[in-house]
């Protein structure tokens, strides 16, 4: 017997312990650092971004292809969606998404160290590291919190 789509989806999500925490996708990660979730649509297999699946699942809205989902938390693997309450995903246009990125200092010329010069490969590596830590340790605060903030927990400190 085949498992339902929603069951397959939720078994790949680890929720943080607090209501405002991220819900992290632990399934496939594409080369852009965002997740991939395979679904059957119109008799064919199709890859969706898991945050779109979660948003549509919770809100009942079908997002057309021109709608971008913006991460309030700036964590590419976060799927924390809600129909009316705590949510990390907001629909918008690509222009609004780029404005949000710029205002948060996540563009290529940003002055924020966390994002400066982070290319596609590094973006993916950060997502894979977060996913791997969650799968190995669960939501272990001293390990997961730095990774959510884009900090390498193995990096030496000055003091």
N, C-alpha and C. Protein backbone atom coordinates (compact mmCIF):
# COMPACT_ATOMS: atom_id res chain seq x y z
N UNK A 1 0.83 -1.18 0.00
CA UNK A 1 0.00 0.00 0.00
C UNK A 1 0.88 1.25 0.00
N UNK A 2 0.58 2.20 -0.84
CA UNK A 2 1.37 3.43 -0.95
C UNK A 2 0.99 4.41 0.14
N UNK A 3 2.00 5.06 0.67
CA UNK A 3 1.76 6.10 1.66
C UNK A 3 1.21 7.33 0.97
N UNK A 4 0.40 8.06 1.67
CA UNK A 4 -0.15 9.29 1.12
C UNK A 4 0.91 10.36 0.98
N UNK A 5 0.64 11.28 0.09
CA UNK A 5 1.57 12.38 -0.18
C UNK A 5 1.89 13.18 1.08
N UNK A 6 0.86 13.52 1.84
CA UNK A 6 1.07 14.31 3.06
C UNK A 6 1.90 13.53 4.08
N UNK A 7 1.65 12.23 4.20
CA UNK A 7 2.45 11.40 5.13
C UNK A 7 3.92 11.40 4.72
N UNK A 8 4.17 11.23 3.43
CA UNK A 8 5.56 11.26 2.94
C UNK A 8 6.21 12.60 3.22
N UNK A 9 5.43 13.68 3.04
CA UNK A 9 5.95 15.02 3.27
C UNK A 9 6.34 15.21 4.74
N UNK A 10 5.41 14.96 5.66
CA UNK A 10 5.63 15.27 7.08
C UNK A 10 6.68 14.38 7.72
N UNK A 11 6.95 13.21 7.17
CA UNK A 11 8.01 12.41 7.76
C UNK A 11 9.39 12.96 7.41
N UNK A 12 9.43 13.95 6.54
CA UNK A 12 10.69 14.61 6.16
C UNK A 12 10.82 16.00 6.80
N UNK A 13 10.01 16.29 7.80
CA UNK A 13 10.03 17.62 8.45
C UNK A 13 10.34 17.45 9.93
N UNK A 14 11.29 18.26 10.41
CA UNK A 14 11.61 18.32 11.84
C UNK A 14 11.20 19.70 12.33
N UNK A 15 10.28 19.71 13.30
CA UNK A 15 9.79 20.98 13.86
C UNK A 15 10.59 21.34 15.11
N UNK A 16 10.94 22.64 15.21
CA UNK A 16 11.59 23.11 16.41
C UNK A 16 10.64 23.04 17.60
N UNK A 17 11.17 23.07 18.82
CA UNK A 17 10.35 22.87 20.02
C UNK A 17 9.41 24.03 20.35
N UNK A 18 9.72 25.23 19.90
CA UNK A 18 8.87 26.38 20.22
C UNK A 18 7.96 26.72 19.04
N UNK A 19 6.80 27.31 19.30
CA UNK A 19 5.86 27.63 18.22
C UNK A 19 6.46 28.52 17.13
N UNK A 20 7.39 29.39 17.49
CA UNK A 20 7.98 30.32 16.51
C UNK A 20 9.18 29.73 15.76
N UNK A 21 9.60 28.51 16.10
CA UNK A 21 10.75 27.89 15.46
C UNK A 21 10.46 27.47 14.02
N UNK A 22 11.54 27.32 13.28
CA UNK A 22 11.44 26.79 11.92
C UNK A 22 11.00 25.34 11.94
N UNK A 23 10.41 24.91 10.83
CA UNK A 23 10.13 23.52 10.54
C UNK A 23 11.04 23.19 9.36
N UNK A 24 12.00 22.32 9.57
CA UNK A 24 13.04 22.11 8.57
C UNK A 24 12.80 20.86 7.74
N UNK A 25 12.88 21.04 6.44
CA UNK A 25 12.77 19.96 5.46
C UNK A 25 14.06 19.13 5.51
N UNK A 26 13.95 17.82 5.67
CA UNK A 26 15.13 16.95 5.73
C UNK A 26 15.18 15.98 4.54
N UNK A 27 14.40 16.25 3.53
CA UNK A 27 14.42 15.43 2.32
C UNK A 27 15.47 15.93 1.35
N UNK A 28 15.22 15.74 0.08
CA UNK A 28 16.17 16.10 -0.97
C UNK A 28 16.45 17.60 -0.97
N UNK A 29 17.71 17.94 -1.26
CA UNK A 29 18.14 19.34 -1.37
C UNK A 29 18.73 19.52 -2.76
N UNK A 30 18.23 20.51 -3.47
CA UNK A 30 18.70 20.78 -4.84
C UNK A 30 19.98 21.61 -4.80
N UNK A 31 20.56 21.86 -5.97
CA UNK A 31 21.82 22.59 -6.04
C UNK A 31 21.71 24.06 -5.65
N UNK A 32 20.49 24.55 -5.45
CA UNK A 32 20.32 25.95 -5.03
C UNK A 32 20.12 26.09 -3.52
N UNK A 33 20.18 24.96 -2.79
CA UNK A 33 20.04 24.99 -1.34
C UNK A 33 18.62 24.86 -0.84
N UNK A 34 17.65 24.85 -1.74
CA UNK A 34 16.25 24.68 -1.37
C UNK A 34 15.86 23.22 -1.53
N UNK A 35 14.86 22.79 -0.80
CA UNK A 35 14.42 21.41 -0.85
C UNK A 35 13.67 21.06 -2.12
N UNK A 36 13.50 19.76 -2.32
CA UNK A 36 12.70 19.23 -3.42
C UNK A 36 11.82 18.11 -2.87
N UNK A 37 10.56 18.14 -3.28
CA UNK A 37 9.60 17.11 -2.88
C UNK A 37 8.91 16.63 -4.13
N UNK A 38 8.96 15.32 -4.37
CA UNK A 38 8.39 14.75 -5.59
C UNK A 38 6.94 14.36 -5.35
N UNK A 39 6.08 14.78 -6.27
CA UNK A 39 4.65 14.48 -6.19
C UNK A 39 4.17 14.00 -7.56
N UNK A 40 3.04 13.32 -7.56
CA UNK A 40 2.41 12.92 -8.82
C UNK A 40 1.35 13.96 -9.16
N UNK A 41 1.45 14.54 -10.33
CA UNK A 41 0.48 15.52 -10.81
C UNK A 41 0.16 15.21 -12.27
N UNK A 42 -1.11 15.07 -12.56
CA UNK A 42 -1.55 14.78 -13.93
C UNK A 42 -0.85 13.54 -14.50
N UNK A 43 -0.67 12.52 -13.65
CA UNK A 43 -0.07 11.27 -14.10
C UNK A 43 1.44 11.30 -14.28
N UNK A 44 2.08 12.38 -13.87
CA UNK A 44 3.53 12.50 -14.02
C UNK A 44 4.17 12.87 -12.69
N UNK A 45 5.44 12.48 -12.54
CA UNK A 45 6.21 12.90 -11.37
C UNK A 45 6.68 14.33 -11.56
N UNK A 46 6.58 15.12 -10.50
CA UNK A 46 6.97 16.53 -10.59
C UNK A 46 7.64 16.93 -9.28
N UNK A 47 8.69 17.72 -9.35
CA UNK A 47 9.36 18.22 -8.15
C UNK A 47 8.77 19.56 -7.75
N UNK A 48 8.45 19.67 -6.47
CA UNK A 48 7.97 20.94 -5.90
C UNK A 48 8.94 21.39 -4.83
N UNK A 49 8.96 22.67 -4.58
CA UNK A 49 9.68 23.13 -3.40
C UNK A 49 8.80 22.79 -2.20
N UNK A 50 9.37 22.20 -1.18
CA UNK A 50 8.55 21.78 -0.03
C UNK A 50 7.83 22.93 0.65
N UNK A 51 8.41 24.14 0.62
CA UNK A 51 7.71 25.27 1.26
C UNK A 51 6.42 25.61 0.51
N UNK A 52 6.39 25.42 -0.80
CA UNK A 52 5.17 25.65 -1.56
C UNK A 52 4.12 24.60 -1.20
N UNK A 53 4.58 23.35 -1.10
CA UNK A 53 3.66 22.28 -0.72
C UNK A 53 3.06 22.58 0.65
N UNK A 54 3.89 22.93 1.63
CA UNK A 54 3.41 23.21 2.99
C UNK A 54 2.44 24.39 2.99
N UNK A 55 2.79 25.46 2.26
CA UNK A 55 1.94 26.65 2.23
C UNK A 55 0.56 26.30 1.65
N UNK A 56 0.56 25.61 0.53
CA UNK A 56 -0.71 25.24 -0.10
C UNK A 56 -1.50 24.28 0.78
N UNK A 57 -0.80 23.36 1.46
CA UNK A 57 -1.46 22.40 2.34
C UNK A 57 -2.17 23.12 3.50
N UNK A 58 -1.51 24.09 4.11
CA UNK A 58 -2.09 24.77 5.28
C UNK A 58 -3.12 25.83 4.92
N UNK A 59 -2.90 26.54 3.83
CA UNK A 59 -3.80 27.64 3.50
C UNK A 59 -4.93 27.22 2.57
N UNK A 60 -4.75 26.13 1.86
CA UNK A 60 -5.75 25.72 0.87
C UNK A 60 -5.65 26.52 -0.42
N UNK A 61 -4.73 27.47 -0.49
CA UNK A 61 -4.52 28.28 -1.70
C UNK A 61 -3.64 27.51 -2.68
N UNK A 62 -3.93 27.65 -3.95
CA UNK A 62 -3.04 27.14 -4.98
C UNK A 62 -2.26 28.31 -5.51
N UNK A 63 -0.95 28.26 -5.36
CA UNK A 63 -0.08 29.35 -5.81
C UNK A 63 0.24 29.17 -7.29
N UNK A 64 -0.01 30.19 -8.09
CA UNK A 64 0.37 30.06 -9.49
C UNK A 64 1.87 30.30 -9.62
N UNK A 65 2.44 29.91 -10.73
CA UNK A 65 3.89 29.90 -10.89
C UNK A 65 4.54 31.27 -10.73
N UNK A 66 3.80 32.34 -10.90
CA UNK A 66 4.37 33.68 -10.77
C UNK A 66 4.47 34.17 -9.33
N UNK A 67 3.96 33.40 -8.38
CA UNK A 67 4.00 33.80 -6.98
C UNK A 67 5.24 33.22 -6.32
N UNK A 68 6.01 34.09 -5.69
CA UNK A 68 7.19 33.66 -4.93
C UNK A 68 6.79 33.54 -3.46
N UNK A 69 7.41 32.61 -2.77
CA UNK A 69 7.23 32.53 -1.32
C UNK A 69 8.49 33.07 -0.67
N UNK A 70 8.30 34.05 0.20
CA UNK A 70 9.42 34.67 0.89
C UNK A 70 9.54 34.05 2.28
N UNK A 71 10.78 33.73 2.66
CA UNK A 71 11.05 33.19 3.99
C UNK A 71 11.31 34.35 4.95
N UNK A 72 10.44 34.51 5.92
CA UNK A 72 10.64 35.51 6.96
C UNK A 72 11.92 35.19 7.73
N UNK A 73 12.18 33.91 7.93
CA UNK A 73 13.32 33.43 8.73
C UNK A 73 14.62 33.36 7.93
N UNK A 74 14.56 33.45 6.62
CA UNK A 74 15.73 33.35 5.75
C UNK A 74 16.42 31.99 5.81
N UNK A 75 15.68 30.94 6.11
CA UNK A 75 16.23 29.59 6.13
C UNK A 75 15.62 28.84 4.94
N UNK A 76 16.44 28.54 3.92
CA UNK A 76 15.90 27.94 2.69
C UNK A 76 15.14 26.64 2.88
N UNK A 77 15.46 25.87 3.91
CA UNK A 77 14.79 24.58 4.12
C UNK A 77 13.57 24.68 5.03
N UNK A 78 13.24 25.88 5.48
CA UNK A 78 12.09 26.04 6.38
C UNK A 78 10.78 25.90 5.61
N UNK A 79 9.85 25.13 6.20
CA UNK A 79 8.53 24.93 5.60
C UNK A 79 7.43 25.33 6.58
N UNK A 80 7.75 26.20 7.53
CA UNK A 80 6.78 26.60 8.57
C UNK A 80 5.71 27.50 7.95
N UNK A 81 4.58 26.91 7.69
CA UNK A 81 3.46 27.62 7.08
C UNK A 81 2.25 27.52 7.99
N UNK A 82 1.39 28.51 7.90
CA UNK A 82 0.17 28.51 8.70
C UNK A 82 -0.89 29.31 7.97
N UNK A 83 -2.13 28.89 8.14
CA UNK A 83 -3.25 29.59 7.52
C UNK A 83 -3.62 30.84 8.28
N UNK A 84 -3.29 30.91 9.52
CA UNK A 84 -3.64 32.09 10.31
C UNK A 84 -2.92 32.08 11.63
N UNK A 85 -1.71 32.48 11.65
CA UNK A 85 -0.93 32.46 12.88
C UNK A 85 0.53 32.56 12.54
N UNK A 86 1.32 31.88 13.33
CA UNK A 86 2.77 31.88 13.14
C UNK A 86 3.10 31.24 11.80
N UNK A 87 3.73 32.01 10.92
CA UNK A 87 4.15 31.47 9.63
C UNK A 87 5.49 32.08 9.26
N UNK A 88 6.30 31.34 8.57
CA UNK A 88 7.59 31.84 8.10
C UNK A 88 7.55 32.08 6.59
N UNK A 89 6.42 31.81 5.96
CA UNK A 89 6.31 31.89 4.50
C UNK A 89 5.23 32.89 4.11
N UNK A 90 5.62 33.86 3.29
CA UNK A 90 4.67 34.86 2.82
C UNK A 90 4.69 34.92 1.30
N UNK A 91 3.53 34.91 0.66
CA UNK A 91 3.51 35.01 -0.80
C UNK A 91 3.80 36.43 -1.25
N UNK A 92 4.42 36.53 -2.40
CA UNK A 92 4.72 37.85 -2.97
C UNK A 92 5.20 37.69 -4.39
N UNK A 93 5.63 38.77 -4.96
CA UNK A 93 6.17 38.76 -6.32
C UNK A 93 7.68 38.55 -6.25
N UNK A 94 8.28 38.25 -7.37
CA UNK A 94 9.73 38.12 -7.42
C UNK A 94 10.38 39.46 -7.09
N UNK A 95 9.78 40.56 -7.52
CA UNK A 95 10.32 41.89 -7.20
C UNK A 95 10.33 42.12 -5.68
N UNK A 96 9.25 41.75 -4.99
CA UNK A 96 9.21 41.89 -3.53
C UNK A 96 10.24 40.97 -2.87
N UNK A 97 10.41 39.79 -3.41
CA UNK A 97 11.39 38.86 -2.87
C UNK A 97 12.80 39.44 -2.99
N UNK A 98 13.11 40.06 -4.13
CA UNK A 98 14.43 40.66 -4.33
C UNK A 98 14.61 41.89 -3.44
N UNK A 99 13.55 42.65 -3.23
CA UNK A 99 13.61 43.81 -2.33
C UNK A 99 13.86 43.33 -0.90
N UNK A 100 13.16 42.29 -0.48
CA UNK A 100 13.35 41.71 0.85
C UNK A 100 14.79 41.24 1.01
N UNK A 101 15.32 40.57 0.01
CA UNK A 101 16.70 40.09 0.02
C UNK A 101 17.68 41.25 0.18
N UNK A 102 17.45 42.31 -0.58
CA UNK A 102 18.32 43.47 -0.52
C UNK A 102 18.25 44.17 0.84
N UNK A 103 17.04 44.35 1.35
CA UNK A 103 16.87 45.02 2.63
C UNK A 103 17.49 44.25 3.78
N UNK A 104 17.56 42.93 3.64
CA UNK A 104 18.16 42.10 4.69
C UNK A 104 19.66 41.89 4.47
N UNK A 105 20.21 42.47 3.41
CA UNK A 105 21.64 42.35 3.16
C UNK A 105 22.08 40.98 2.68
N UNK A 106 21.21 40.30 1.92
CA UNK A 106 21.54 38.96 1.44
C UNK A 106 21.97 38.93 -0.02
N UNK A 107 22.13 40.08 -0.64
CA UNK A 107 22.52 40.11 -2.06
C UNK A 107 24.05 40.01 -2.17
N UNK A 108 24.56 39.87 -3.37
CA UNK A 108 25.98 39.62 -3.60
C UNK A 108 26.88 40.71 -3.04
N UNK A 109 26.43 41.95 -3.01
CA UNK A 109 27.24 43.06 -2.51
C UNK A 109 26.93 43.42 -1.06
N UNK A 110 26.30 42.53 -0.37
CA UNK A 110 25.86 42.81 0.99
C UNK A 110 27.03 43.04 1.93
N UNK A 111 26.78 43.83 2.95
CA UNK A 111 27.81 44.06 3.95
C UNK A 111 27.71 43.06 5.10
N UNK A 112 26.62 42.30 5.15
CA UNK A 112 26.44 41.32 6.21
C UNK A 112 27.32 40.12 5.94
N UNK A 113 28.22 39.79 6.88
CA UNK A 113 29.18 38.72 6.68
C UNK A 113 28.52 37.39 6.35
N UNK A 114 27.41 37.11 7.01
CA UNK A 114 26.74 35.81 6.84
C UNK A 114 26.47 35.49 5.37
N UNK A 115 26.12 36.48 4.57
CA UNK A 115 25.69 36.22 3.20
C UNK A 115 26.65 36.72 2.13
N UNK A 116 27.66 37.49 2.49
CA UNK A 116 28.52 38.08 1.48
C UNK A 116 29.20 37.00 0.63
N UNK A 117 29.02 37.08 -0.66
CA UNK A 117 29.70 36.19 -1.59
C UNK A 117 29.30 34.73 -1.50
N UNK A 118 28.19 34.44 -0.84
CA UNK A 118 27.76 33.05 -0.73
C UNK A 118 27.15 32.63 -2.06
N UNK A 119 27.86 31.75 -2.75
CA UNK A 119 27.39 31.27 -4.04
C UNK A 119 26.46 30.09 -3.88
N UNK A 120 26.00 29.62 -5.00
CA UNK A 120 25.04 28.51 -5.04
C UNK A 120 25.57 27.26 -4.33
N UNK A 121 26.82 26.91 -4.58
CA UNK A 121 27.40 25.71 -3.98
C UNK A 121 27.47 25.84 -2.46
N UNK A 122 27.87 27.02 -1.97
CA UNK A 122 27.94 27.24 -0.54
C UNK A 122 26.55 27.26 0.09
N UNK A 123 25.60 27.86 -0.61
CA UNK A 123 24.22 27.90 -0.14
C UNK A 123 23.71 26.47 0.05
N UNK A 124 23.97 25.61 -0.93
CA UNK A 124 23.56 24.21 -0.84
C UNK A 124 24.29 23.51 0.30
N UNK A 125 25.60 23.75 0.43
CA UNK A 125 26.38 23.12 1.49
C UNK A 125 25.83 23.46 2.87
N UNK A 126 25.42 24.72 3.07
CA UNK A 126 24.83 25.12 4.35
C UNK A 126 23.52 24.38 4.61
N UNK A 127 22.71 24.25 3.58
CA UNK A 127 21.44 23.53 3.73
C UNK A 127 21.67 22.06 4.03
N UNK A 128 22.61 21.44 3.33
CA UNK A 128 22.91 20.02 3.55
C UNK A 128 23.47 19.81 4.95
N UNK A 129 24.31 20.74 5.42
CA UNK A 129 24.87 20.63 6.77
C UNK A 129 23.76 20.71 7.82
N UNK A 130 22.82 21.63 7.64
CA UNK A 130 21.69 21.75 8.55
C UNK A 130 20.85 20.47 8.54
N UNK A 131 20.52 20.00 7.34
CA UNK A 131 19.73 18.77 7.22
C UNK A 131 20.44 17.59 7.88
N UNK A 132 21.72 17.43 7.62
CA UNK A 132 22.49 16.32 8.19
C UNK A 132 22.52 16.38 9.72
N UNK A 133 22.70 17.57 10.27
CA UNK A 133 22.73 17.73 11.72
C UNK A 133 21.38 17.36 12.34
N UNK A 134 20.29 17.78 11.70
CA UNK A 134 18.97 17.43 12.21
C UNK A 134 18.72 15.93 12.17
N UNK A 135 19.15 15.30 11.10
CA UNK A 135 18.96 13.85 10.98
C UNK A 135 19.80 13.09 11.99
N UNK A 136 20.99 13.60 12.27
CA UNK A 136 21.88 12.92 13.21
C UNK A 136 21.56 13.21 14.67
N UNK A 137 21.26 14.47 15.00
CA UNK A 137 21.11 14.87 16.40
C UNK A 137 19.69 15.27 16.80
N UNK A 138 18.78 15.38 15.84
CA UNK A 138 17.46 15.93 16.14
C UNK A 138 17.61 17.43 16.41
N UNK A 139 16.60 18.04 17.01
CA UNK A 139 16.66 19.49 17.27
C UNK A 139 17.46 19.72 18.55
N UNK A 140 18.76 19.64 18.43
CA UNK A 140 19.68 19.86 19.54
C UNK A 140 20.12 21.32 19.47
N UNK A 141 19.62 22.15 20.39
CA UNK A 141 19.82 23.60 20.34
C UNK A 141 21.27 24.04 20.10
N UNK A 142 22.25 23.55 20.86
CA UNK A 142 23.62 24.04 20.64
C UNK A 142 24.18 23.71 19.26
N UNK A 143 23.63 22.72 18.60
CA UNK A 143 24.09 22.36 17.26
C UNK A 143 23.25 23.07 16.20
N UNK A 144 21.94 23.05 16.35
CA UNK A 144 21.03 23.54 15.32
C UNK A 144 20.98 25.07 15.27
N UNK A 145 20.92 25.75 16.40
CA UNK A 145 20.80 27.21 16.41
C UNK A 145 21.89 27.90 15.59
N UNK A 146 23.18 27.55 15.78
CA UNK A 146 24.21 28.22 14.96
C UNK A 146 24.04 27.94 13.47
N UNK A 147 23.64 26.73 13.13
CA UNK A 147 23.45 26.39 11.71
C UNK A 147 22.30 27.18 11.10
N UNK A 148 21.24 27.41 11.87
CA UNK A 148 20.12 28.23 11.38
C UNK A 148 20.58 29.66 11.14
N UNK A 149 21.53 30.12 11.94
CA UNK A 149 22.03 31.48 11.81
C UNK A 149 23.15 31.58 10.77
N UNK A 150 23.52 30.45 10.16
CA UNK A 150 24.57 30.47 9.14
C UNK A 150 25.96 30.46 9.73
N UNK A 151 26.10 29.98 10.98
CA UNK A 151 27.40 29.94 11.65
C UNK A 151 27.87 28.50 11.71
N UNK A 152 29.14 28.27 11.41
CA UNK A 152 29.71 26.94 11.49
C UNK A 152 30.00 26.63 12.96
N UNK A 153 29.30 25.63 13.55
CA UNK A 153 29.52 25.35 14.97
C UNK A 153 30.92 24.81 15.26
N UNK A 154 31.64 24.35 14.23
CA UNK A 154 33.01 23.84 14.42
C UNK A 154 34.06 24.93 14.26
N UNK A 155 33.64 26.13 13.85
CA UNK A 155 34.61 27.22 13.64
C UNK A 155 35.21 27.64 14.98
N UNK A 156 36.52 27.88 15.00
CA UNK A 156 37.14 28.31 16.26
C UNK A 156 36.67 29.72 16.61
N UNK A 157 36.60 29.97 17.90
CA UNK A 157 36.21 31.31 18.38
C UNK A 157 37.47 32.06 18.81
N UNK A 158 37.36 33.36 18.95
CA UNK A 158 38.50 34.17 19.38
C UNK A 158 38.78 33.99 20.87
N UNK A 159 37.77 33.68 21.64
CA UNK A 159 37.97 33.56 23.10
C UNK A 159 37.50 32.22 23.59
